[in-house]
Protein backbone atom coordinates (compact mmCIF):
# COMPACT_ATOMS: atom_id res chain seq x y z
CA MET A 1 0.00 0.00 0.00
CA GLY A 2 1.08 3.59 0.32
CA GLY A 3 -0.01 7.18 -0.15
CA LEU A 4 -2.05 9.31 2.23
CA ALA A 5 -4.91 7.91 4.30
CA VAL A 6 -7.09 10.31 6.29
CA VAL A 7 -8.80 9.01 9.44
CA THR A 8 -11.35 11.10 11.32
CA GLY A 9 -11.97 10.55 15.01
CA ALA A 10 -8.38 9.31 15.17
CA GLY A 11 -7.65 10.66 18.63
CA HIS A 12 -9.39 7.94 20.59
CA GLY A 13 -10.73 4.40 20.57
CA ILE A 14 -11.32 2.62 17.29
CA GLY A 15 -10.06 5.57 15.23
CA SER A 16 -6.65 5.59 16.86
CA VAL A 17 -6.27 1.85 16.29
CA ILE A 18 -7.31 2.19 12.65
CA ALA A 19 -4.75 4.96 12.18
CA ALA A 20 -2.01 2.80 13.68
CA ARG A 21 -2.93 -0.17 11.48
CA LEU A 22 -2.90 1.90 8.29
CA ALA A 23 0.55 3.23 9.19
CA VAL A 24 1.77 -0.36 9.51
CA ASP A 25 0.25 -0.99 6.06
CA GLY A 26 2.49 1.72 4.65
CA PHE A 27 0.17 4.70 4.50
CA ALA A 28 1.08 8.18 5.65
CA VAL A 29 -1.79 8.85 8.02
CA GLY A 30 -3.62 12.11 8.54
CA CYS A 31 -5.06 11.83 12.05
CA LEU A 32 -8.00 14.19 12.50
CA ASP A 33 -9.99 14.80 15.66
CA ILE A 34 -11.86 17.67 17.24
CA ASP A 35 -9.53 17.03 20.19
CA GLY A 36 -6.34 18.36 18.63
CA ASP A 37 -4.12 17.11 21.44
CA ALA A 38 -5.45 13.57 21.07
CA ALA A 39 -4.93 13.69 17.30
CA ALA A 40 -1.35 14.84 17.86
CA ASP A 41 -0.79 12.03 20.38
CA THR A 42 -1.95 9.38 17.91
CA ALA A 43 0.27 10.80 15.19
CA GLY A 44 3.20 11.08 17.60
CA THR A 45 2.87 7.42 18.56
CA ILE A 46 2.91 6.45 14.88
CA ARG A 47 5.95 8.61 14.14
CA GLY A 48 7.69 7.09 17.14
CA ARG A 49 7.56 3.77 15.29
CA GLY A 50 9.29 5.26 12.28
CA GLN A 51 6.11 5.73 10.24
CA LEU A 52 4.54 8.81 8.68
CA ALA A 53 1.68 10.69 10.31
CA SER A 54 0.34 14.14 11.05
CA GLY A 55 -2.21 14.97 13.75
CA LEU A 56 -4.54 17.92 13.24
CA ARG A 57 -7.54 19.37 14.99
CA CYS A 58 -10.58 19.37 12.75
CA ASP A 59 -14.27 19.97 13.30
CA VAL A 60 -15.58 17.58 10.64
CA ARG A 61 -18.93 19.39 10.55
CA ASP A 62 -17.27 22.54 9.15
CA PRO A 63 -16.64 22.34 5.39
CA VAL A 64 -14.19 25.25 5.44
CA GLU A 65 -12.11 23.70 8.20
CA VAL A 66 -12.20 20.31 6.48
CA ARG A 67 -11.02 21.85 3.19
CA VAL A 68 -8.12 23.64 4.85
CA VAL A 69 -7.00 20.50 6.70
CA MET A 70 -7.17 18.36 3.55
CA GLU A 71 -5.08 20.87 1.63
CA SER A 72 -2.51 20.89 4.43
CA LEU A 73 -2.22 17.11 4.46
CA VAL A 74 -1.98 16.87 0.69
CA SER A 75 0.76 19.50 0.59
CA GLU A 76 2.74 17.38 3.07
CA PHE A 77 2.07 13.83 1.82
CA GLY A 78 0.59 14.05 -1.68
CA PRO A 79 -2.76 12.83 -3.04
CA ILE A 80 -5.26 11.01 -0.84
CA HIS A 81 -5.52 7.25 -1.40
CA GLY A 82 -7.84 6.42 1.49
CA VAL A 83 -10.43 8.09 3.69
CA VAL A 84 -11.89 6.57 6.85
CA ASN A 85 -14.95 8.40 8.15
CA ASN A 86 -15.03 7.40 11.80
CA ALA A 87 -15.77 10.57 13.80
CA MET A 88 -18.77 10.29 16.06
CA SER A 89 -20.42 11.41 19.26
CA TRP A 90 -22.75 9.49 21.54
CA ALA A 91 -26.26 10.73 20.97
CA PRO A 92 -28.64 10.61 23.95
CA ALA A 93 -30.59 7.36 24.13
CA GLY A 94 -34.35 7.38 23.89
CA PRO A 95 -37.18 7.21 21.37
CA VAL A 96 -36.69 9.17 18.16
CA LEU A 97 -39.79 11.29 18.63
CA GLY A 98 -38.76 12.17 22.17
CA ILE A 99 -35.51 13.84 21.13
CA ASP A 100 -35.32 17.61 21.43
CA GLU A 101 -35.46 19.19 17.97
CA ALA A 102 -32.13 21.00 18.33
CA GLN A 103 -30.47 17.83 19.65
CA TRP A 104 -31.83 15.82 16.72
CA HIS A 105 -30.34 18.18 14.14
CA ALA A 106 -27.04 18.35 16.03
CA ASP A 107 -26.82 14.54 16.20
CA ILE A 108 -27.55 14.03 12.50
CA ALA A 109 -25.09 16.76 11.54
CA MET A 110 -22.34 15.09 13.53
CA LEU A 111 -23.06 11.41 12.99
CA LEU A 112 -24.13 11.52 9.33
CA GLY A 113 -23.64 14.97 7.81
CA SER A 114 -19.95 15.07 8.73
CA TYR A 115 -19.30 11.93 6.66
CA ARG A 116 -20.55 13.71 3.57
CA THR A 117 -18.63 16.87 4.48
CA VAL A 118 -15.32 15.03 4.91
CA THR A 119 -15.80 13.04 1.71
CA ALA A 120 -16.58 16.22 -0.21
CA GLY A 121 -13.49 17.91 1.22
CA ALA A 122 -11.28 14.99 0.26
CA ASP A 123 -12.82 14.49 -3.18
CA PRO A 124 -10.69 16.99 -5.17
CA HIS A 125 -7.54 15.34 -3.83
CA LEU A 126 -8.43 11.67 -4.35
CA ALA A 127 -5.96 9.63 -6.36
CA PRO A 128 -7.27 7.18 -9.00
CA GLY A 129 -8.26 3.91 -7.37
CA SER A 130 -8.85 5.50 -3.96
CA SER A 131 -11.02 3.84 -1.33
CA ILE A 132 -13.39 5.39 1.19
CA VAL A 133 -14.61 3.55 4.29
CA MET A 134 -17.47 4.71 6.48
CA ILE A 135 -17.83 3.34 10.00
CA SER A 136 -21.47 2.55 10.69
CA SER A 137 -22.84 0.14 13.31
CA VAL A 138 -25.01 -2.96 13.61
CA HIS A 139 -27.60 -0.52 14.98
CA GLY A 140 -27.85 0.85 11.46
CA LEU A 141 -28.99 -2.53 10.16
CA PHE A 142 -32.14 -2.91 12.25
CA GLY A 143 -34.85 -0.88 13.91
CA SER A 144 -32.97 -0.40 17.18
CA ALA A 145 -35.61 0.97 19.50
CA GLY A 146 -34.26 3.37 22.11
CA TRP A 147 -31.10 4.20 20.20
CA GLY A 148 -32.63 7.39 18.83
CA SER A 149 -30.72 9.51 16.34
CA TYR A 150 -27.63 7.28 16.66
CA ALA A 151 -29.36 4.31 15.00
CA VAL A 152 -30.99 6.53 12.36
CA ALA A 153 -27.67 8.16 11.45
CA LYS A 154 -25.83 4.83 11.31
CA ALA A 155 -28.45 3.54 8.87
CA GLY A 156 -27.99 6.70 6.85
CA ILE A 157 -24.25 6.05 6.65
CA ILE A 158 -24.89 2.69 5.00
CA SER A 159 -27.13 4.32 2.40
CA LEU A 160 -24.63 7.15 1.88
CA ALA A 161 -21.89 4.62 1.16
CA ARG A 162 -24.06 2.87 -1.42
CA VAL A 163 -25.03 6.08 -3.20
CA LEU A 164 -21.45 7.38 -3.28
CA ALA A 165 -20.22 4.01 -4.52
CA SER A 166 -22.58 4.35 -7.46
CA GLU A 167 -21.67 7.97 -8.14
CA MET A 168 -17.90 7.67 -7.69
CA GLY A 169 -17.42 4.20 -9.14
CA PRO A 170 -17.00 5.38 -12.75
CA ARG A 171 -13.95 7.32 -11.54
CA GLY A 172 -12.47 4.14 -10.07
CA ILE A 173 -13.19 5.18 -6.47
CA ARG A 174 -14.64 2.60 -4.11
CA VAL A 175 -16.89 3.35 -1.13
CA ASN A 176 -17.86 0.80 1.53
CA ALA A 177 -19.21 0.75 5.07
CA VAL A 178 -18.16 -1.25 8.12
CA ALA A 179 -20.76 -2.09 10.78
CA PRO A 180 -19.10 -3.10 14.07
CA GLY A 181 -20.93 -4.88 16.86
CA ILE A 182 -19.85 -4.62 20.49
CA ILE A 183 -16.22 -3.55 20.54
CA ALA A 184 -14.22 -3.84 23.75
CA HIS A 185 -12.19 -0.70 22.99
CA HIS A 186 -15.32 1.34 22.36
CA GLU A 187 -16.50 4.08 24.71
CA GLY A 188 -19.98 2.60 24.36
CA LEU A 189 -19.04 -0.19 26.75
CA GLU A 190 -19.45 2.32 29.57
CA LYS A 191 -23.16 1.50 29.68
CA TYR A 192 -22.30 -2.03 30.78
CA VAL A 193 -20.36 -0.89 33.86
CA GLY A 194 -22.11 -2.44 36.83
CA ARG A 195 -24.22 -4.63 34.55
CA PRO A 196 -21.96 -7.52 33.52
CA GLU A 197 -24.97 -9.77 32.97
CA LEU A 198 -26.16 -7.52 30.13
CA LEU A 199 -22.78 -7.65 28.44
CA GLN A 200 -22.72 -11.42 28.92
CA GLN A 201 -26.08 -11.72 27.16
CA HIS A 202 -24.61 -9.99 24.14
CA VAL A 203 -21.52 -12.20 24.24
CA VAL A 204 -23.67 -15.33 24.30
CA ALA A 205 -25.74 -13.97 21.42
CA SER A 206 -22.58 -13.98 19.28
CA PRO A 207 -21.59 -17.33 17.75
CA LEU A 208 -17.94 -16.53 18.52
CA ARG A 209 -18.80 -15.88 22.18
CA ARG A 210 -16.68 -12.78 22.71
CA THR A 211 -16.75 -9.04 22.26
CA GLY A 212 -14.85 -7.61 19.33
CA THR A 213 -11.70 -5.54 19.47
CA ALA A 214 -10.71 -2.34 17.75
CA GLU A 215 -8.11 -4.42 15.91
CA ASP A 216 -10.93 -6.52 14.42
CA VAL A 217 -12.41 -3.37 12.93
CA ALA A 218 -9.03 -2.00 11.84
CA GLY A 219 -8.24 -5.23 10.00
CA THR A 220 -11.44 -4.94 7.99
CA VAL A 221 -10.70 -1.31 7.16
CA SER A 222 -7.20 -2.33 6.10
CA PHE A 223 -8.68 -4.87 3.71
CA LEU A 224 -11.09 -2.33 2.21
CA LEU A 225 -8.30 0.20 1.65
CA GLY A 226 -5.93 -2.41 0.27
CA PRO A 227 -5.29 -4.12 -3.07
CA ASP A 228 -7.26 -7.28 -2.26
CA SER A 229 -10.61 -5.45 -2.31
CA THR A 230 -10.44 -3.67 -5.67
CA TRP A 231 -13.66 -5.41 -6.82
CA VAL A 232 -15.57 -4.52 -3.64
CA THR A 233 -17.71 -1.39 -3.50
CA GLY A 234 -21.11 -0.32 -2.18
CA GLN A 235 -20.98 -3.02 0.50
CA THR A 236 -21.47 -3.09 4.25
CA ILE A 237 -19.21 -5.52 6.06
CA THR A 238 -20.50 -6.49 9.49
CA VAL A 239 -17.81 -7.07 12.12
CA ASP A 240 -19.79 -8.48 15.02
CA GLY A 241 -18.71 -12.07 15.66
CA GLY A 242 -21.80 -13.29 13.82
CA MET A 243 -24.23 -11.63 16.22
CA THR A 244 -26.52 -10.35 13.47
CA SER A 245 -26.45 -13.67 11.60
CA VAL A 246 -28.51 -15.54 14.18
CA LEU A 247 -31.99 -15.24 15.63
CA GLN A 248 -31.30 -13.21 18.73
CA LEU A 249 -34.35 -14.41 20.65
CA THR A 250 -33.20 -18.02 20.36
CA GLU A 251 -29.69 -17.20 21.56
CA LEU A 252 -30.97 -15.22 24.54
CA GLU A 253 -33.31 -18.06 25.44
CA LEU A 254 -30.27 -20.33 25.49
CA TYR A 255 -28.51 -17.93 27.81
CA SER A 256 -31.51 -17.66 30.11
CA GLY A 257 -31.61 -21.44 30.61
CA ILE A 258 -35.01 -21.98 29.01
CA TRP A 259 -33.63 -25.06 27.24
CA PRO A 260 -32.88 -27.98 29.60
CA ASP A 261 -29.52 -29.74 29.47
CA GLY A 262 -29.19 -31.88 26.40
CA ALA A 263 -32.06 -30.19 24.60
CA TRP A 264 -29.94 -27.74 22.65
CA PRO A 265 -30.16 -27.47 19.74
CA PRO A 266 -33.86 -28.42 19.63
CA GLN A 267 -34.52 -31.38 17.34
CA PRO A 268 -37.15 -31.06 14.58
CA GLN A 269 -40.39 -32.81 15.38
CA HIS A 270 -42.22 -34.87 12.73
CA SER A 271 -45.68 -36.36 13.01
CA PRO A 272 -46.17 -40.01 11.97
CA GLU A 273 -48.33 -38.82 9.10
CA SER A 274 -45.61 -36.48 7.78
CA PRO A 275 -42.23 -38.26 7.89
CA ALA A 276 -39.15 -36.14 7.53
CA ASP A 277 -38.00 -35.49 4.01
CA ALA A 278 -34.56 -36.88 3.13
CA HIS A 279 -32.11 -34.36 1.78
């Protein structure tokens, strides 16, 4: 690999791990975060390993600020070969219609609008064959009651990636989304503090029986920015240990002990009049 990769929300959590992984892959990494000190720390750690990086403060909601930062990075490292839209904020939980109007618009601007703003700011500087990755969530795949504007925005990110893939594909630019499940490095785990049984329910609901790591997400992003995914665009790759591939009710019943020992998995029942078909 090589060239410049820009990562938003790179000062903390998943974003910082993605930035570090892309540096290992050979990219010069532009680490952007509204927390300028955190962005500088991520870039400093990367440079300390002998790799290329620059950390800059950037409010990804501001198109002027985004444009200036992109121009600065391009002047230092050359054309952009990868963009990872990862910046986010935790929107207040609750029903969609119960969200204050100003809060709703602020959430959508941050969680969804900024992804379009950053992509537009990077667009004039994209090299042929560039790849854009948008970090969504499994909450964007379903009607996640109680997750408010967060779930709505994450669903919007998936649609945005598909539309941009269609619009930018003729130029050879690929756009994909990544939908993580429960990630151990993620600030969202704070809601499980003091409620280990809730986290354990989610772990049991995953066929792989563990939470994910930021490295799991970073590896998927690395693939989507790399040469092995040049025929992949407009897709959403779910990184959740298989959680969304199974019927959640059944898995939670298993956890709750509703099935007696030896009765899992349940065996199909056939009446004498309707013998089982052979396959």
